[in-house]
Amino acid sequence: MQSFQLNTKILKIDKNNQQCLTYYYYMSDDNEKSIIIRKEESDGRSEVIDSVTSSPFNGWIQRKVSFDVYESHYKVKTIFENKKH
């Protein structure tokens, strides 16, 4: 398993607490990995906001994920995990 972290800047959160993450991934048809996107907030809240286990085609794909935040500073972690253990 590999993990990469995106540290967000401290931003003012609007009254709806909504954020949007846009990312691109490339996963071949025979890929043995999955992608997990996890949000971690400074108050200890943690949740999976997106996951990818397969690809509809062999090429770059754009994903957009909307999620709620409750703290003005949070972390987004990308985890690459082997499907076969």
PDB file of N, CA and C in Angstrom:
ATOM      1  N   MET A   1       0.845  -1.173   0.000  1.00  0.00           N
ATOM      2  CA  MET A   1       0.000   0.000   0.000  1.00  0.00           C
ATOM      3  C   MET A   1       0.893   1.240   0.000  1.00  0.00           C
ATOM      4  N   GLN A   2       0.580   2.202  -0.846  1.00  0.00           N
ATOM      5  CA  GLN A   2       1.252   3.492  -0.872  1.00  0.00           C
ATOM      6  C   GLN A   2       0.228   4.564  -0.556  1.00  0.00           C
ATOM      7  N   SER A   3       0.668   5.615   0.119  1.00  0.00           N
ATOM      8  CA  SER A   3      -0.235   6.694   0.495  1.00  0.00           C
ATOM      9  C   SER A   3       0.412   8.035   0.189  1.00  0.00           C
ATOM     10  N   PHE A   4      -0.364   8.949  -0.380  1.00  0.00           N
ATOM     11  CA  PHE A   4       0.089  10.306  -0.669  1.00  0.00           C
ATOM     12  C   PHE A   4      -0.906  11.268  -0.062  1.00  0.00           C
ATOM     13  N   GLN A   5      -0.408  12.364   0.498  1.00  0.00           N
ATOM     14  CA  GLN A   5      -1.266  13.294   1.210  1.00  0.00           C
ATOM     15  C   GLN A   5      -1.275  14.654   0.547  1.00  0.00           C
ATOM     16  N   LEU A   6      -2.457  15.236   0.406  1.00  0.00           N
ATOM     17  CA  LEU A   6      -2.635  16.588  -0.082  1.00  0.00           C
ATOM     18  C   LEU A   6      -3.034  17.438   1.114  1.00  0.00           C
ATOM     19  N   ASN A   7      -2.186  18.380   1.496  1.00  0.00           N
ATOM     20  CA  ASN A   7      -2.524  19.278   2.592  1.00  0.00           C
ATOM     21  C   ASN A   7      -3.264  20.475   2.032  1.00  0.00           C
ATOM     22  N   THR A   8      -4.423  20.746   2.568  1.00  0.00           N
ATOM     23  CA  THR A   8      -5.219  21.869   2.098  1.00  0.00           C
ATOM     24  C   THR A   8      -4.845  23.124   2.880  1.00  0.00           C
ATOM     25  N   LYS A   9      -5.043  24.258   2.262  1.00  0.00           N
ATOM     26  CA  LYS A   9      -4.816  25.528   2.953  1.00  0.00           C
ATOM     27  C   LYS A   9      -6.004  25.797   3.862  1.00  0.00           C
ATOM     28  N   ILE A  10      -5.768  26.633   4.853  1.00  0.00           N
ATOM     29  CA  ILE A  10      -6.870  27.009   5.727  1.00  0.00           C
ATOM     30  C   ILE A  10      -7.750  27.978   4.948  1.00  0.00           C
ATOM     31  N   LEU A  11      -8.961  27.553   4.712  1.00  0.00           N
ATOM     32  CA  LEU A  11      -9.907  28.335   3.930  1.00  0.00           C
ATOM     33  C   LEU A  11     -11.160  28.596   4.746  1.00  0.00           C
ATOM     34  N   LYS A  12     -11.863  29.636   4.375  1.00  0.00           N
ATOM     35  CA  LYS A  12     -13.141  29.880   5.012  1.00  0.00           C
ATOM     36  C   LYS A  12     -14.143  28.884   4.440  1.00  0.00           C
ATOM     37  N   ILE A  13     -14.845  28.200   5.305  1.00  0.00           N
ATOM     38  CA  ILE A  13     -15.840  27.232   4.888  1.00  0.00           C
ATOM     39  C   ILE A  13     -17.183  27.937   4.795  1.00  0.00           C
ATOM     40  N   ASP A  14     -17.871  27.732   3.680  1.00  0.00           N
ATOM     41  CA  ASP A  14     -19.174  28.368   3.537  1.00  0.00           C
ATOM     42  C   ASP A  14     -20.213  27.666   4.409  1.00  0.00           C
ATOM     43  N   LYS A  15     -21.399  28.200   4.453  1.00  0.00           N
ATOM     44  CA  LYS A  15     -22.441  27.648   5.331  1.00  0.00           C
ATOM     45  C   LYS A  15     -22.871  26.248   4.927  1.00  0.00           C
ATOM     46  N   ASN A  16     -22.591  25.840   3.692  1.00  0.00           N
ATOM     47  CA  ASN A  16     -22.960  24.503   3.246  1.00  0.00           C
ATOM     48  C   ASN A  16     -21.891  23.458   3.543  1.00  0.00           C
ATOM     49  N   ASN A  17     -20.691  23.892   3.932  1.00  0.00           N
ATOM     50  CA  ASN A  17     -19.582  22.996   4.276  1.00  0.00           C
ATOM     51  C   ASN A  17     -19.140  22.114   3.107  1.00  0.00           C
ATOM     52  N   GLN A  18     -19.444  22.496   1.880  1.00  0.00           N
ATOM     53  CA  GLN A  18     -19.129  21.649   0.726  1.00  0.00           C
ATOM     54  C   GLN A  18     -17.797  22.015   0.089  1.00  0.00           C
ATOM     55  N   GLN A  19     -17.067  20.990  -0.284  1.00  0.00           N
ATOM     56  CA  GLN A  19     -15.815  21.140  -1.011  1.00  0.00           C
ATOM     57  C   GLN A  19     -15.896  20.224  -2.232  1.00  0.00           C
ATOM     58  N   CYS A  20     -15.030  20.487  -3.211  1.00  0.00           N
ATOM     59  CA  CYS A  20     -14.996  19.664  -4.411  1.00  0.00           C
ATOM     60  C   CYS A  20     -13.545  19.316  -4.714  1.00  0.00           C
ATOM     61  N   LEU A  21     -13.300  18.060  -4.999  1.00  0.00           N
ATOM     62  CA  LEU A  21     -11.977  17.592  -5.378  1.00  0.00           C
ATOM     63  C   LEU A  21     -12.065  17.072  -6.802  1.00  0.00           C
ATOM     64  N   THR A  22     -11.204  17.579  -7.677  1.00  0.00           N
ATOM     65  CA  THR A  22     -11.097  17.089  -9.042  1.00  0.00           C
ATOM     66  C   THR A  22      -9.732  16.450  -9.185  1.00  0.00           C
ATOM     67  N   TYR A  23      -9.700  15.220  -9.665  1.00  0.00           N
ATOM     68  CA  TYR A  23      -8.420  14.548  -9.864  1.00  0.00           C
ATOM     69  C   TYR A  23      -8.492  13.658 -11.097  1.00  0.00           C
ATOM     70  N   TYR A  24      -7.330  13.292 -11.584  1.00  0.00           N
ATOM     71  CA  TYR A  24      -7.210  12.429 -12.748  1.00  0.00           C
ATOM     72  C   TYR A  24      -6.472  11.158 -12.344  1.00  0.00           C
ATOM     73  N   TYR A  25      -6.856  10.048 -12.941  1.00  0.00           N
ATOM     74  CA  TYR A  25      -6.134   8.804 -12.694  1.00  0.00           C
ATOM     75  C   TYR A  25      -6.007   8.028 -13.995  1.00  0.00           C
ATOM     76  N   TYR A  26      -5.013   7.186 -14.031  1.00  0.00           N
ATOM     77  CA  TYR A  26      -4.780   6.301 -15.172  1.00  0.00           C
ATOM     78  C   TYR A  26      -4.669   4.893 -14.622  1.00  0.00           C
ATOM     79  N   MET A  27      -5.553   4.022 -15.061  1.00  0.00           N
ATOM     80  CA  MET A  27      -5.559   2.655 -14.580  1.00  0.00           C
ATOM     81  C   MET A  27      -5.782   1.752 -15.791  1.00  0.00           C
ATOM     82  N   SER A  28      -4.858   0.873 -16.052  1.00  0.00           N
ATOM     83  CA  SER A  28      -5.013  -0.030 -17.189  1.00  0.00           C
ATOM     84  C   SER A  28      -6.082  -1.082 -16.892  1.00  0.00           C
ATOM     85  N   ASP A  29      -6.557  -1.738 -17.927  1.00  0.00           N
ATOM     86  CA  ASP A  29      -7.622  -2.732 -17.782  1.00  0.00           C
ATOM     87  C   ASP A  29      -7.237  -3.890 -16.868  1.00  0.00           C
ATOM     88  N   ASP A  30      -5.958  -4.251 -16.840  1.00  0.00           N
ATOM     89  CA  ASP A  30      -5.510  -5.396 -16.036  1.00  0.00           C
ATOM     90  C   ASP A  30      -4.863  -4.966 -14.720  1.00  0.00           C
ATOM     91  N   ASN A  31      -5.166  -3.767 -14.250  1.00  0.00           N
ATOM     92  CA  ASN A  31      -4.556  -3.230 -13.035  1.00  0.00           C
ATOM     93  C   ASN A  31      -4.998  -4.036 -11.811  1.00  0.00           C
ATOM     94  N   GLU A  32      -4.057  -4.303 -10.941  1.00  0.00           N
ATOM     95  CA  GLU A  32      -4.325  -5.046  -9.712  1.00  0.00           C
ATOM     96  C   GLU A  32      -4.379  -4.122  -8.495  1.00  0.00           C
ATOM     97  N   LYS A  33      -4.549  -2.834  -8.719  1.00  0.00           N
ATOM     98  CA  LYS A  33      -4.588  -1.877  -7.616  1.00  0.00           C
ATOM     99  C   LYS A  33      -5.943  -1.185  -7.554  1.00  0.00           C
ATOM    100  N   SER A  34      -6.262  -0.658  -6.387  1.00  0.00           N
ATOM    101  CA  SER A  34      -7.434   0.189  -6.227  1.00  0.00           C
ATOM    102  C   SER A  34      -6.971   1.522  -5.651  1.00  0.00           C
ATOM    103  N   ILE A  35      -7.768   2.548  -5.846  1.00  0.00           N
ATOM    104  CA  ILE A  35      -7.463   3.892  -5.354  1.00  0.00           C
ATOM    105  C   ILE A  35      -8.528   4.259  -4.331  1.00  0.00           C
ATOM    106  N   ILE A  36      -8.088   4.733  -3.178  1.00  0.00           N
ATOM    107  CA  ILE A  36      -9.002   5.159  -2.122  1.00  0.00           C
ATOM    108  C   ILE A  36      -8.654   6.599  -1.759  1.00  0.00           C
ATOM    109  N   ILE A  37      -9.652   7.474  -1.758  1.00  0.00           N
ATOM    110  CA  ILE A  37      -9.460   8.873  -1.368  1.00  0.00           C
ATOM    111  C   ILE A  37     -10.132   9.056  -0.016  1.00  0.00           C
ATOM    112  N   ARG A  38      -9.339   9.475   0.970  1.00  0.00           N
ATOM    113  CA  ARG A  38      -9.826   9.610   2.349  1.00  0.00           C
ATOM    114  C   ARG A  38      -9.638  11.050   2.814  1.00  0.00           C
ATOM    115  N   LYS A  39     -10.659  11.582   3.481  1.00  0.00           N
ATOM    116  CA  LYS A  39     -10.601  12.921   4.078  1.00  0.00           C
ATOM    117  C   LYS A  39     -10.408  12.772   5.575  1.00  0.00           C
ATOM    118  N   GLU A  40      -9.454  13.524   6.135  1.00  0.00           N
ATOM    119  CA  GLU A  40      -9.211  13.519   7.576  1.00  0.00           C
ATOM    120  C   GLU A  40      -9.262  14.950   8.084  1.00  0.00           C
ATOM    121  N   GLU A  41     -10.085  15.169   9.098  1.00  0.00           N
ATOM    122  CA  GLU A  41     -10.211  16.513   9.659  1.00  0.00           C
ATOM    123  C   GLU A  41      -9.444  16.599  10.976  1.00  0.00           C
ATOM    124  N   SER A  42      -9.129  17.822  11.376  1.00  0.00           N
ATOM    125  CA  SER A  42      -8.304  18.028  12.571  1.00  0.00           C
ATOM    126  C   SER A  42      -9.010  17.590  13.853  1.00  0.00           C
ATOM    127  N   ASP A  43     -10.337  17.459  13.827  1.00  0.00           N
ATOM    128  CA  ASP A  43     -11.061  17.019  15.028  1.00  0.00           C
ATOM    129  C   ASP A  43     -11.152  15.501  15.137  1.00  0.00           C
ATOM    130  N   GLY A  44     -10.484  14.769  14.213  1.00  0.00           N
ATOM    131  CA  GLY A  44     -10.469  13.316  14.267  1.00  0.00           C
ATOM    132  C   GLY A  44     -11.441  12.626  13.323  1.00  0.00           C
ATOM    133  N   ARG A  45     -12.339  13.378  12.713  1.00  0.00           N
ATOM    134  CA  ARG A  45     -13.265  12.773  11.751  1.00  0.00           C
ATOM    135  C   ARG A  45     -12.487  12.289  10.539  1.00  0.00           C
ATOM    136  N   SER A  46     -12.867  11.130  10.046  1.00  0.00           N
ATOM    137  CA  SER A  46     -12.196  10.550   8.897  1.00  0.00           C
ATOM    138  C   SER A  46     -13.214   9.749   8.098  1.00  0.00           C
ATOM    139  N   GLU A  47     -13.170   9.873   6.781  1.00  0.00           N
ATOM    140  CA  GLU A  47     -14.084   9.097   5.958  1.00  0.00           C
ATOM    141  C   GLU A  47     -13.539   8.938   4.544  1.00  0.00           C
ATOM    142  N   VAL A  48     -13.935   7.848   3.910  1.00  0.00           N
ATOM    143  CA  VAL A  48     -13.604   7.624   2.507  1.00  0.00           C
ATOM    144  C   VAL A  48     -14.573   8.459   1.685  1.00  0.00           C
ATOM    145  N   ILE A  49     -14.042   9.322   0.813  1.00  0.00           N
ATOM    146  CA  ILE A  49     -14.909  10.153  -0.010  1.00  0.00           C
ATOM    147  C   ILE A  49     -14.982   9.657  -1.447  1.00  0.00           C
ATOM    148  N   ASP A  50     -14.093   8.751  -1.847  1.00  0.00           N
ATOM    149  CA  ASP A  50     -14.147   8.179  -3.179  1.00  0.00           C
ATOM    150  C   ASP A  50     -13.256   6.943  -3.239  1.00  0.00           C
ATOM    151  N   SER A  51     -13.576   6.039  -4.151  1.00  0.00           N
ATOM    152  CA  SER A  51     -12.713   4.884  -4.397  1.00  0.00           C
ATOM    153  C   SER A  51     -12.897   4.436  -5.843  1.00  0.00           C
ATOM    154  N   VAL A  52     -11.823   3.891  -6.404  1.00  0.00           N
ATOM    155  CA  VAL A  52     -11.825   3.402  -7.779  1.00  0.00           C
ATOM    156  C   VAL A  52     -11.236   2.002  -7.758  1.00  0.00           C
ATOM    157  N   THR A  53     -11.959   1.040  -8.310  1.00  0.00           N
ATOM    158  CA  THR A  53     -11.471  -0.337  -8.325  1.00  0.00           C
ATOM    159  C   THR A  53     -11.253  -0.871  -9.732  1.00  0.00           C
ATOM    160  N   SER A  54     -11.778  -0.151 -10.737  1.00  0.00           N
ATOM    161  CA  SER A  54     -11.575  -0.575 -12.116  1.00  0.00           C
ATOM    162  C   SER A  54     -11.692   0.639 -13.026  1.00  0.00           C
ATOM    163  N   SER A  55     -11.330   0.438 -14.281  1.00  0.00           N
ATOM    164  CA  SER A  55     -11.347   1.522 -15.251  1.00  0.00           C
ATOM    165  C   SER A  55     -12.190   1.111 -16.453  1.00  0.00           C
ATOM    166  N   PRO A  56     -13.016   2.024 -16.974  1.00  0.00           N
ATOM    167  CA  PRO A  56     -13.827   1.685 -18.143  1.00  0.00           C
ATOM    168  C   PRO A  56     -12.997   1.565 -19.427  1.00  0.00           C
ATOM    169  N   PHE A  57     -11.796   2.162 -19.424  1.00  0.00           N
ATOM    170  CA  PHE A  57     -10.896   2.067 -20.573  1.00  0.00           C
ATOM    171  C   PHE A  57      -9.476   2.347 -20.132  1.00  0.00           C
ATOM    172  N   ASN A  58      -8.538   2.056 -20.989  1.00  0.00           N
ATOM    173  CA  ASN A  58      -7.116   2.227 -20.701  1.00  0.00           C
ATOM    174  C   ASN A  58      -6.706   3.651 -21.088  1.00  0.00           C
ATOM    175  N   GLY A  59      -6.776   4.585 -20.166  1.00  0.00           N
ATOM    176  CA  GLY A  59      -6.423   5.978 -20.426  1.00  0.00           C
ATOM    177  C   GLY A  59      -6.724   6.849 -19.224  1.00  0.00           C
ATOM    178  N   TRP A  60      -6.453   8.145 -19.346  1.00  0.00           N
ATOM    179  CA  TRP A  60      -6.683   9.088 -18.253  1.00  0.00           C
ATOM    180  C   TRP A  60      -8.178   9.340 -18.073  1.00  0.00           C
ATOM    181  N   ILE A  61      -8.600   9.384 -16.806  1.00  0.00           N
ATOM    182  CA  ILE A  61     -10.003   9.619 -16.476  1.00  0.00           C
ATOM    183  C   ILE A  61     -10.071  10.726 -15.427  1.00  0.00           C
ATOM    184  N   GLN A  62     -11.006  11.661 -15.630  1.00  0.00           N
ATOM    185  CA  GLN A  62     -11.216  12.731 -14.666  1.00  0.00           C
ATOM    186  C   GLN A  62     -12.344  12.338 -13.720  1.00  0.00           C
ATOM    187  N   ARG A  63     -12.130  12.575 -12.424  1.00  0.00           N
ATOM    188  CA  ARG A  63     -13.162  12.330 -11.412  1.00  0.00           C
ATOM    189  C   ARG A  63     -13.380  13.616 -10.631  1.00  0.00           C
ATOM    190  N   LYS A  64     -14.640  13.882 -10.300  1.00  0.00           N
ATOM    191  CA  LYS A  64     -14.992  15.012  -9.443  1.00  0.00           C
ATOM    192  C   LYS A  64     -15.786  14.463  -8.267  1.00  0.00           C
ATOM    193  N   VAL A  65     -15.365  14.854  -7.071  1.00  0.00           N
ATOM    194  CA  VAL A  65     -15.987  14.361  -5.849  1.00  0.00           C
ATOM    195  C   VAL A  65     -16.386  15.551  -4.981  1.00  0.00           C
ATOM    196  N   SER A  66     -17.638  15.602  -4.585  1.00  0.00           N
ATOM    197  CA  SER A  66     -18.097  16.619  -3.631  1.00  0.00           C
ATOM    198  C   SER A  66     -18.184  15.976  -2.256  1.00  0.00           C
ATOM    199  N   PHE A  67     -17.794  16.730  -1.237  1.00  0.00           N
ATOM    200  CA  PHE A  67     -17.833  16.199   0.125  1.00  0.00           C
ATOM    201  C   PHE A  67     -17.986  17.332   1.111  1.00  0.00           C
ATOM    202  N   ASP A  68     -18.436  17.003   2.304  1.00  0.00           N
ATOM    203  CA  ASP A  68     -18.630  17.988   3.368  1.00  0.00           C
ATOM    204  C   ASP A  68     -17.418  18.023   4.274  1.00  0.00           C
ATOM    205  N   VAL A  69     -17.089  19.213   4.771  1.00  0.00           N
ATOM    206  CA  VAL A  69     -16.045  19.381   5.776  1.00  0.00           C
ATOM    207  C   VAL A  69     -16.623  20.183   6.941  1.00  0.00           C
ATOM    208  N   TYR A  70     -16.047  19.985   8.105  1.00  0.00           N
ATOM    209  CA  TYR A  70     -16.550  20.655   9.301  1.00  0.00           C
ATOM    210  C   TYR A  70     -15.479  21.491   9.989  1.00  0.00           C
ATOM    211  N   GLU A  71     -14.235  21.319   9.580  1.00  0.00           N
ATOM    212  CA  GLU A  71     -13.110  22.088  10.107  1.00  0.00           C
ATOM    213  C   GLU A  71     -12.473  22.842   8.944  1.00  0.00           C
ATOM    214  N   SER A  72     -11.851  23.978   9.216  1.00  0.00           N
ATOM    215  CA  SER A  72     -11.270  24.774   8.132  1.00  0.00           C
ATOM    216  C   SER A  72      -9.946  24.219   7.623  1.00  0.00           C
ATOM    217  N   HIS A  73      -9.376  23.256   8.319  1.00  0.00           N
ATOM    218  CA  HIS A  73      -8.135  22.638   7.860  1.00  0.00           C
ATOM    219  C   HIS A  73      -8.335  21.127   7.867  1.00  0.00           C
ATOM    220  N   TYR A  74      -8.138  20.508   6.726  1.00  0.00           N
ATOM    221  CA  TYR A  74      -8.323  19.068   6.615  1.00  0.00           C
ATOM    222  C   TYR A  74      -7.283  18.505   5.663  1.00  0.00           C
ATOM    223  N   LYS A  75      -7.135  17.192   5.663  1.00  0.00           N
ATOM    224  CA  LYS A  75      -6.177  16.519   4.797  1.00  0.00           C
ATOM    225  C   LYS A  75      -6.927  15.576   3.878  1.00  0.00           C
ATOM    226  N   VAL A  76      -6.441  15.469   2.654  1.00  0.00           N
ATOM    227  CA  VAL A  76      -6.972  14.491   1.711  1.00  0.00           C
ATOM    228  C   VAL A  76      -5.844  13.528   1.400  1.00  0.00           C
ATOM    229  N   LYS A  77      -6.066  12.246   1.661  1.00  0.00           N
ATOM    230  CA  LYS A  77      -5.050  11.222   1.408  1.00  0.00           C
ATOM    231  C   LYS A  77      -5.496  10.324   0.263  1.00  0.00           C
ATOM    232  N   THR A  78      -4.558  10.022  -0.612  1.00  0.00           N
ATOM    233  CA  THR A  78      -4.782   9.079  -1.693  1.00  0.00           C
ATOM    234  C   THR A  78      -4.018   7.802  -1.347  1.00  0.00           C
ATOM    235  N   ILE A  79      -4.721   6.695  -1.332  1.00  0.00           N
ATOM    236  CA  ILE A  79      -4.120   5.418  -0.964  1.00  0.00           C
ATOM    237  C   ILE A  79      -4.224   4.481  -2.167  1.00  0.00           C
ATOM    238  N   PHE A  80      -3.079   3.913  -2.564  1.00  0.00           N
ATOM    239  CA  PHE A  80      -3.043   2.923  -3.636  1.00  0.00           C
ATOM    240  C   PHE A  80      -2.876   1.569  -2.967  1.00  0.00           C
ATOM    241  N   GLU A  81      -3.806   0.669  -3.185  1.00  0.00           N
ATOM    242  CA  GLU A  81      -3.821  -0.589  -2.477  1.00  0.00           C
ATOM    243  C   GLU A  81      -3.866  -1.740  -3.472  1.00  0.00           C
ATOM    244  N   ASN A  82      -3.114  -2.800  -3.186  1.00  0.00           N
ATOM    245  CA  ASN A  82      -3.174  -4.003  -4.022  1.00  0.00           C
ATOM    246  C   ASN A  82      -4.484  -4.723  -3.782  1.00  0.00           C
ATOM    247  N   LYS A  83      -5.142  -5.159  -4.865  1.00  0.00           N
ATOM    248  CA  LYS A  83      -6.390  -5.913  -4.733  1.00  0.00           C
ATOM    249  C   LYS A  83      -6.129  -7.306  -4.206  1.00  0.00           C
ATOM    250  N   LYS A  84      -5.018  -7.892  -4.616  1.00  0.00           N
ATOM    251  CA  LYS A  84      -4.655  -9.227  -4.139  1.00  0.00           C
ATOM    252  C   LYS A  84      -3.716  -9.082  -2.952  1.00  0.00           C
ATOM    253  N   HIS A  85      -4.045  -9.685  -1.846  1.00  0.00           N
ATOM    254  CA  HIS A  85      -3.204  -9.568  -0.641  1.00  0.00           C
ATOM    255  C   HIS A  85      -2.344 -10.797  -0.483  1.00  0.00           C
TER     256      HIS A  85
END
